[in-house]
Amino acid sequence: MKRRAIFTLLAATGLSACVGGGRGRGDARPIVIAHRGASGYLPEHTLGGYELAMRMGADYIEPDLQLTRDGVLVAMHDETLGRTTDAATLFAPRNGGYKVADFTLAEIKTLTVKPTGTGKTSYPGFTPSAANPWSIPTFDEVIRLVQSSPSLVGREVGIYPEAKQADPAMEDAILKALAQSGYGAHSKVFIQSFSDETLRSMHAKEQARGKPLPHFLLGAAVMGADGVARLGIGTRGAEPRLLTFQDVASFAQGVGVSIQYRAYPVTKAYIDQAHAAGLKVHGWTFAQAEADAAAAQYRRYLDLGMDGMFSNYADLAVKARDQYVRGR
């Protein structure tokens, strides 16, 4: 996550609507979402990285999705190939760069994903089961890996795709892939986006087909001067907007909020109001690599009532979550 969306949020004043009642978090245990796979250890958005995260105990893996020139969904965070692959060594620039949308799937499959940040090319004691663990996988390949989780790791792992563009073609491709793989309202799946228009559109399409899926809208935790919580959303170059939780709950089951924006901290009051509106709250991104510091950070947000955590280090998140559940 992620997610390098830039929020220049408007002053959150004058919020007057009172958040209504609804279901809360209940007693379901918080979930661990492997942010781009085991991205703190291995190349992000690869079958090898996803598998390591599954073996570390992640409940869900997160494939960010882009469309190739020939309309195939692939797992890739950036719109361009330069940061995470060797594209520049194999291809000349196209249209001044290396946009995923300018390359066919066959071309993209010749690339190798490189580790970034604290990632490396291997992990002690781990041998990926995929034949090409460091190539860019299609969404269908990620789904097949996840659906093999009962035999691979002895439990069912969920999938948490993000629509990276507000694009009807992407919406339809995601919904088609999930439907063909048997995902439904009660499956271990969430669809996420920074675009409320995208999720509203997908919700309408799902309702028309009679196949609703759970959605999470991504943004910032904004508390009004009067203490009323809303979700702040917006993208680079666009005016941000503030949505009420009642509005979000009309097309989504939760909000994904940044834990990184100091001006908009996630608080217990914020999470309580989301729960009162019937929404879950997932936080992004937990990126502490040092075990003690990570444990303290996870505990802080779990104590606030957070329902899920996007983590670069799934093993640290699972350990902290399990300790929290045992102790409460």
Protein backbone atom coordinates (compact mmCIF):
# COMPACT_ATOMS: atom_id res chain seq x y z
CA MET A 1 0.00 0.00 0.00
CA LYS A 2 0.27 1.38 -1.03
CA ARG A 3 -0.27 3.57 -1.85
CA ARG A 4 1.12 6.83 -2.58
CA ALA A 5 -2.15 8.72 -2.86
CA ILE A 6 -1.58 12.33 -1.87
CA PHE A 7 -4.25 13.86 0.34
CA THR A 8 -4.47 17.63 0.54
CA LEU A 9 -7.59 17.35 2.63
CA LEU A 10 -9.87 20.27 3.23
CA ALA A 11 -10.40 21.49 6.76
CA ALA A 12 -12.84 19.12 8.43
CA THR A 13 -15.22 21.58 10.02
CA GLY A 14 -18.95 21.84 10.21
CA LEU A 15 -19.68 18.10 10.03
CA SER A 16 -23.17 17.87 11.39
CA ALA A 17 -24.62 14.45 10.62
CA CYS A 18 -24.77 12.09 13.55
CA VAL A 19 -23.56 8.57 12.85
CA GLY A 20 -26.36 6.09 13.30
CA GLY A 21 -26.46 2.70 14.92
CA GLY A 22 -25.53 -0.64 13.41
CA ARG A 23 -23.44 -3.67 13.98
CA GLY A 24 -20.05 -3.31 15.61
CA ARG A 25 -16.90 -5.32 15.26
CA GLY A 26 -18.34 -8.24 17.21
CA ASP A 27 -15.88 -10.79 18.51
CA ALA A 28 -14.25 -11.68 15.17
CA ARG A 29 -10.48 -11.63 15.46
CA PRO A 30 -8.60 -8.91 13.60
CA ILE A 31 -7.18 -9.99 10.28
CA VAL A 32 -3.67 -9.72 8.85
CA ILE A 33 -3.44 -8.65 5.21
CA ALA A 34 -0.12 -9.28 3.48
CA HIS A 35 0.63 -5.93 1.88
CA ARG A 36 1.79 -6.70 -1.66
CA GLY A 37 2.66 -10.17 -0.33
CA ALA A 38 5.65 -10.59 1.97
CA SER A 39 6.95 -7.31 0.55
CA GLY A 40 9.32 -6.63 3.45
CA TYR A 41 11.17 -9.86 2.71
CA LEU A 42 10.79 -10.71 -0.98
CA PRO A 43 9.92 -8.97 -4.29
CA GLU A 44 6.47 -7.45 -4.02
CA HIS A 45 3.48 -8.74 -5.97
CA THR A 46 5.06 -12.06 -6.92
CA LEU A 47 3.82 -15.61 -6.43
CA GLY A 48 6.87 -16.27 -4.28
CA GLY A 49 6.14 -13.30 -2.07
CA TYR A 50 2.46 -14.16 -1.75
CA GLU A 51 3.25 -17.76 -0.85
CA LEU A 52 5.72 -16.75 1.85
CA ALA A 53 3.09 -14.47 3.39
CA MET A 54 0.60 -17.32 3.35
CA ARG A 55 3.08 -19.60 5.06
CA MET A 56 3.73 -16.88 7.65
CA GLY A 57 0.05 -16.96 8.61
CA ALA A 58 -1.47 -14.04 6.69
CA ASP A 59 -5.26 -14.22 6.50
CA TYR A 60 -5.42 -12.35 3.19
CA ILE A 61 -2.99 -11.40 0.46
CA GLU A 62 -3.28 -8.12 -1.40
CA PRO A 63 -2.77 -7.96 -5.18
CA ASP A 64 -2.83 -4.43 -6.59
CA LEU A 65 -4.09 -4.70 -10.15
CA GLN A 66 -3.15 -3.08 -13.47
CA LEU A 67 -4.32 -3.82 -17.02
CA THR A 68 -1.90 -4.77 -19.79
CA ARG A 69 -2.17 -3.43 -23.33
CA ASP A 70 -4.12 -6.54 -24.30
CA GLY A 71 -6.53 -6.19 -21.37
CA VAL A 72 -5.17 -8.74 -18.89
CA LEU A 73 -5.13 -8.03 -15.16
CA VAL A 74 -1.69 -8.34 -13.60
CA ALA A 75 -0.48 -7.85 -10.05
CA MET A 76 1.47 -4.57 -9.96
CA HIS A 77 1.22 -1.57 -7.67
CA ASP A 78 2.67 1.09 -9.96
CA GLU A 79 1.27 2.19 -13.29
CA THR A 80 4.81 1.81 -14.60
CA LEU A 81 7.26 -1.08 -14.63
CA GLY A 82 10.45 0.80 -13.84
CA ARG A 83 10.60 0.73 -10.04
CA THR A 84 10.10 -2.98 -9.51
CA THR A 85 11.22 -4.76 -12.70
CA ASP A 86 14.08 -5.00 -15.17
CA ALA A 87 11.96 -3.55 -17.99
CA ALA A 88 14.52 -0.85 -18.83
CA THR A 89 17.17 -3.48 -19.55
CA LEU A 90 14.94 -5.42 -21.95
CA PHE A 91 12.80 -2.81 -23.70
CA ALA A 92 13.16 0.69 -25.06
CA PRO A 93 10.79 3.26 -23.56
CA ARG A 94 7.32 3.50 -25.06
CA ASN A 95 5.47 6.80 -25.09
CA GLY A 96 8.30 8.15 -22.99
CA GLY A 97 8.26 5.48 -20.31
CA TYR A 98 7.30 2.00 -19.19
CA LYS A 99 3.58 2.04 -18.45
CA VAL A 100 2.04 -1.37 -17.82
CA ALA A 101 -0.72 -0.40 -20.24
CA ASP A 102 1.80 -0.05 -23.08
CA PHE A 103 3.03 -3.65 -22.86
CA THR A 104 1.33 -6.93 -23.73
CA LEU A 105 1.08 -9.77 -21.26
CA ALA A 106 3.59 -11.78 -23.30
CA GLU A 107 6.11 -8.94 -23.00
CA ILE A 108 5.45 -8.42 -19.31
CA LYS A 109 5.97 -12.12 -18.69
CA THR A 110 9.59 -11.77 -19.82
CA LEU A 111 10.32 -9.41 -16.91
CA THR A 112 11.69 -10.22 -13.47
CA VAL A 113 10.47 -8.42 -10.37
CA LYS A 114 13.27 -6.95 -8.26
CA PRO A 115 13.24 -6.58 -4.47
CA THR A 116 12.72 -3.08 -3.09
CA GLY A 117 13.16 -1.58 0.36
CA THR A 118 14.11 -4.29 2.85
CA GLY A 119 13.22 -7.05 0.39
CA LYS A 120 15.72 -9.61 -0.88
CA THR A 121 15.80 -12.26 -3.58
CA SER A 122 15.40 -15.17 -1.14
CA TYR A 123 14.21 -15.96 2.36
CA PRO A 124 15.94 -18.44 4.71
CA GLY A 125 14.38 -21.90 4.58
CA PHE A 126 11.78 -20.98 1.96
CA THR A 127 11.57 -22.46 -1.52
CA PRO A 128 8.67 -21.15 -3.62
CA SER A 129 6.42 -23.77 -5.18
CA ALA A 130 5.76 -21.70 -8.34
CA ALA A 131 7.81 -22.42 -11.44
CA ASN A 132 8.41 -18.69 -12.02
CA PRO A 133 8.06 -17.12 -8.57
CA TRP A 134 9.59 -13.74 -9.46
CA SER A 135 7.74 -12.95 -12.68
CA ILE A 136 4.72 -10.64 -12.76
CA PRO A 137 1.66 -12.83 -12.13
CA THR A 138 -1.75 -12.44 -13.69
CA PHE A 139 -4.71 -11.98 -11.37
CA ASP A 140 -5.90 -15.45 -12.37
CA GLU A 141 -2.53 -16.92 -11.29
CA VAL A 142 -2.80 -15.16 -7.93
CA ILE A 143 -6.32 -16.49 -7.47
CA ARG A 144 -5.16 -20.03 -8.24
CA LEU A 145 -2.36 -19.72 -5.69
CA VAL A 146 -4.74 -18.44 -3.03
CA GLN A 147 -7.29 -21.13 -3.77
CA SER A 148 -4.60 -23.78 -3.34
CA SER A 149 -3.99 -22.54 0.21
CA PRO A 150 -5.84 -25.38 1.98
CA SER A 151 -3.44 -27.93 0.50
CA LEU A 152 -0.43 -25.59 0.46
CA VAL A 153 -0.59 -24.17 3.99
CA GLY A 154 -3.40 -26.14 5.62
CA ARG A 155 -6.00 -23.34 5.82
CA GLU A 156 -8.04 -21.06 3.58
CA VAL A 157 -6.40 -17.74 2.72
CA GLY A 158 -8.43 -14.83 1.39
CA ILE A 159 -7.76 -12.36 -1.41
CA TYR A 160 -7.98 -8.56 -1.20
CA PRO A 161 -7.52 -7.03 -4.70
CA GLU A 162 -7.27 -3.32 -5.34
CA ALA A 163 -8.61 -1.67 -8.47
CA LYS A 164 -5.81 0.78 -9.17
CA GLN A 165 -7.71 2.77 -11.80
CA ALA A 166 -11.24 4.09 -11.87
CA ASP A 167 -11.91 2.24 -15.10
CA PRO A 168 -15.05 0.30 -16.11
CA ALA A 169 -12.87 -2.17 -18.03
CA MET A 170 -10.91 -2.90 -14.87
CA GLU A 171 -14.10 -3.22 -12.84
CA ASP A 172 -15.53 -5.75 -15.27
CA ALA A 173 -12.28 -7.72 -15.48
CA ILE A 174 -12.03 -8.00 -11.69
CA LEU A 175 -15.65 -9.04 -11.27
CA LYS A 176 -15.40 -11.57 -14.10
CA ALA A 177 -12.24 -13.16 -12.69
CA LEU A 178 -13.72 -13.45 -9.22
CA ALA A 179 -17.04 -14.81 -10.48
CA GLN A 180 -15.35 -17.40 -12.67
CA SER A 181 -13.35 -18.55 -9.65
CA GLY A 182 -16.45 -18.97 -7.52
CA TYR A 183 -16.13 -15.97 -5.20
CA GLY A 184 -19.35 -14.70 -3.63
CA ALA A 185 -20.68 -12.65 -0.75
CA HIS A 186 -19.52 -15.17 1.85
CA SER A 187 -16.11 -15.88 0.35
CA LYS A 188 -12.83 -14.68 1.84
CA VAL A 189 -12.58 -11.70 -0.49
CA PHE A 190 -12.62 -7.92 -0.23
CA ILE A 191 -12.36 -5.47 -3.14
CA GLN A 192 -10.68 -2.17 -2.34
CA SER A 193 -10.27 1.16 -4.10
CA PHE A 194 -9.46 4.80 -3.42
CA SER A 195 -12.34 5.66 -5.78
CA ASP A 196 -15.84 5.68 -4.36
CA GLU A 197 -17.17 5.95 -7.92
CA THR A 198 -15.46 2.66 -8.74
CA LEU A 199 -16.92 0.86 -5.74
CA ARG A 200 -20.38 2.35 -6.27
CA SER A 201 -20.27 1.15 -9.88
CA MET A 202 -19.05 -2.31 -8.91
CA HIS A 203 -21.69 -2.55 -6.20
CA ALA A 204 -24.42 -1.71 -8.73
CA LYS A 205 -23.10 -4.28 -11.20
CA GLU A 206 -22.91 -6.93 -8.48
CA GLN A 207 -26.43 -6.19 -7.28
CA ALA A 208 -27.75 -6.47 -10.83
CA ARG A 209 -26.11 -9.89 -11.14
CA GLY A 210 -27.24 -10.98 -7.69
CA LYS A 211 -23.62 -11.53 -6.66
CA PRO A 212 -22.63 -8.89 -4.08
CA LEU A 213 -19.05 -8.80 -2.82
CA PRO A 214 -17.59 -6.94 0.17
CA HIS A 215 -15.89 -3.60 -0.58
CA PHE A 216 -13.48 -1.35 1.31
CA LEU A 217 -13.06 2.33 0.47
CA LEU A 218 -9.57 3.72 1.11
CA GLY A 219 -8.75 7.13 2.49
CA ALA A 220 -7.84 9.17 5.55
CA ALA A 221 -9.39 9.21 9.02
CA VAL A 222 -10.93 12.67 9.35
CA MET A 223 -12.55 13.87 12.58
CA GLY A 224 -14.65 17.03 12.36
CA ALA A 225 -14.32 19.85 14.84
CA ASP A 226 -17.59 18.61 16.37
CA GLY A 227 -16.17 15.11 16.84
CA VAL A 228 -17.98 13.48 13.93
CA ALA A 229 -15.92 11.05 11.83
CA ARG A 230 -15.81 10.90 8.04
CA LEU A 231 -13.61 9.34 5.41
CA GLY A 232 -11.44 11.72 3.43
CA ILE A 233 -10.86 10.60 -0.14
CA GLY A 234 -9.10 12.08 -3.12
CA THR A 235 -6.30 11.52 -5.58
CA ARG A 236 -3.38 13.52 -6.86
CA GLY A 237 -4.63 16.54 -8.75
CA ALA A 238 -8.24 16.27 -7.58
CA GLU A 239 -10.12 18.07 -4.83
CA PRO A 240 -10.59 15.69 -1.88
CA ARG A 241 -14.03 14.96 -0.54
CA LEU A 242 -15.40 13.94 2.85
CA LEU A 243 -17.88 11.08 2.93
CA THR A 244 -20.15 10.20 5.83
CA PHE A 245 -20.00 6.68 7.15
CA GLN A 246 -23.69 6.25 6.29
CA ASP A 247 -22.86 7.02 2.65
CA VAL A 248 -19.92 4.62 2.61
CA ALA A 249 -22.05 1.90 4.22
CA SER A 250 -24.49 2.10 1.30
CA PHE A 251 -21.96 0.46 -1.03
CA ALA A 252 -19.10 -0.85 1.13
CA GLN A 253 -18.52 -2.94 4.21
CA GLY A 254 -15.51 -1.06 5.54
CA VAL A 255 -12.96 1.69 5.29
CA GLY A 256 -9.22 1.35 4.82
CA VAL A 257 -7.45 4.22 6.56
CA SER A 258 -3.86 5.39 6.57
CA ILE A 259 -1.92 5.17 9.82
CA GLN A 260 0.74 7.42 8.30
CA TYR A 261 -0.98 10.82 8.04
CA ARG A 262 -0.09 12.64 11.25
CA ALA A 263 -2.68 15.32 10.64
CA TYR A 264 -5.42 12.68 10.49
CA PRO A 265 -4.65 10.07 13.16
CA VAL A 266 -6.76 6.97 13.61
CA THR A 267 -8.39 7.17 17.03
CA LYS A 268 -10.68 5.00 19.12
CA ALA A 269 -13.49 7.49 18.61
CA TYR A 270 -13.04 7.22 14.84
CA ILE A 271 -13.13 3.41 14.89
CA ASP A 272 -16.07 3.36 17.30
CA GLN A 273 -18.11 5.57 14.98
CA ALA A 274 -17.24 3.38 11.99
CA HIS A 275 -18.36 0.31 13.92
CA ALA A 276 -21.57 2.04 14.93
CA ALA A 277 -22.27 2.63 11.23
CA GLY A 278 -21.71 -1.06 10.48
CA LEU A 279 -18.25 -0.60 8.95
CA LYS A 280 -15.01 -2.45 9.61
CA VAL A 281 -11.74 -0.52 9.80
CA HIS A 282 -8.49 -1.76 8.24
CA GLY A 283 -5.25 0.19 8.60
CA TRP A 284 -2.37 0.72 6.17
CA THR A 285 0.55 0.38 6.11
CA PHE A 286 2.30 -1.36 9.01
CA ALA A 287 5.94 -1.24 7.94
CA GLN A 288 7.97 -1.55 11.15
CA ALA A 289 10.70 -4.14 10.55
CA GLU A 290 12.06 -4.25 14.10
CA ALA A 291 10.13 -6.82 16.13
CA ASP A 292 9.66 -4.91 19.40
CA ALA A 293 8.71 -1.66 17.69
CA ALA A 294 6.32 -3.53 15.42
CA ALA A 295 4.69 -5.35 18.35
CA ALA A 296 4.08 -2.06 20.15
CA GLN A 297 2.59 -0.47 17.04
CA TYR A 298 0.24 -3.38 16.35
CA ARG A 299 -0.88 -3.46 19.97
CA ARG A 300 -1.66 0.25 19.92
CA TYR A 301 -4.03 -0.06 16.97
CA LEU A 302 -5.55 -3.33 18.12
CA ASP A 303 -6.35 -1.67 21.44
CA LEU A 304 -8.18 1.04 19.48
CA GLY A 305 -10.41 -1.63 17.94
CA MET A 306 -8.88 -1.93 14.46
CA ASP A 307 -10.27 -4.90 12.53
CA GLY A 308 -7.42 -5.54 10.09
CA MET A 309 -3.86 -4.53 9.34
CA PHE A 310 -1.98 -4.31 6.05
CA SER A 311 1.57 -5.37 6.88
CA ASN A 312 4.84 -5.66 4.98
CA TYR A 313 5.94 -8.25 7.55
CA ALA A 314 3.12 -10.74 7.89
CA ASP A 315 4.92 -12.85 10.49
CA LEU A 316 5.28 -9.91 12.88
CA ALA A 317 1.64 -8.93 12.38
CA VAL A 318 0.39 -12.47 12.97
CA LYS A 319 2.47 -12.82 16.13
CA ALA A 320 1.19 -9.53 17.53
CA ARG A 321 -2.42 -10.29 16.59
CA ASP A 322 -2.29 -13.75 18.16
CA GLN A 323 -0.78 -12.38 21.37
CA TYR A 324 -3.49 -9.73 21.49
CA VAL A 325 -6.30 -12.27 20.98
CA ARG A 326 -4.91 -14.58 23.65
CA GLY A 327 -4.63 -11.73 26.12
CA ARG A 328 -8.03 -10.13 25.76
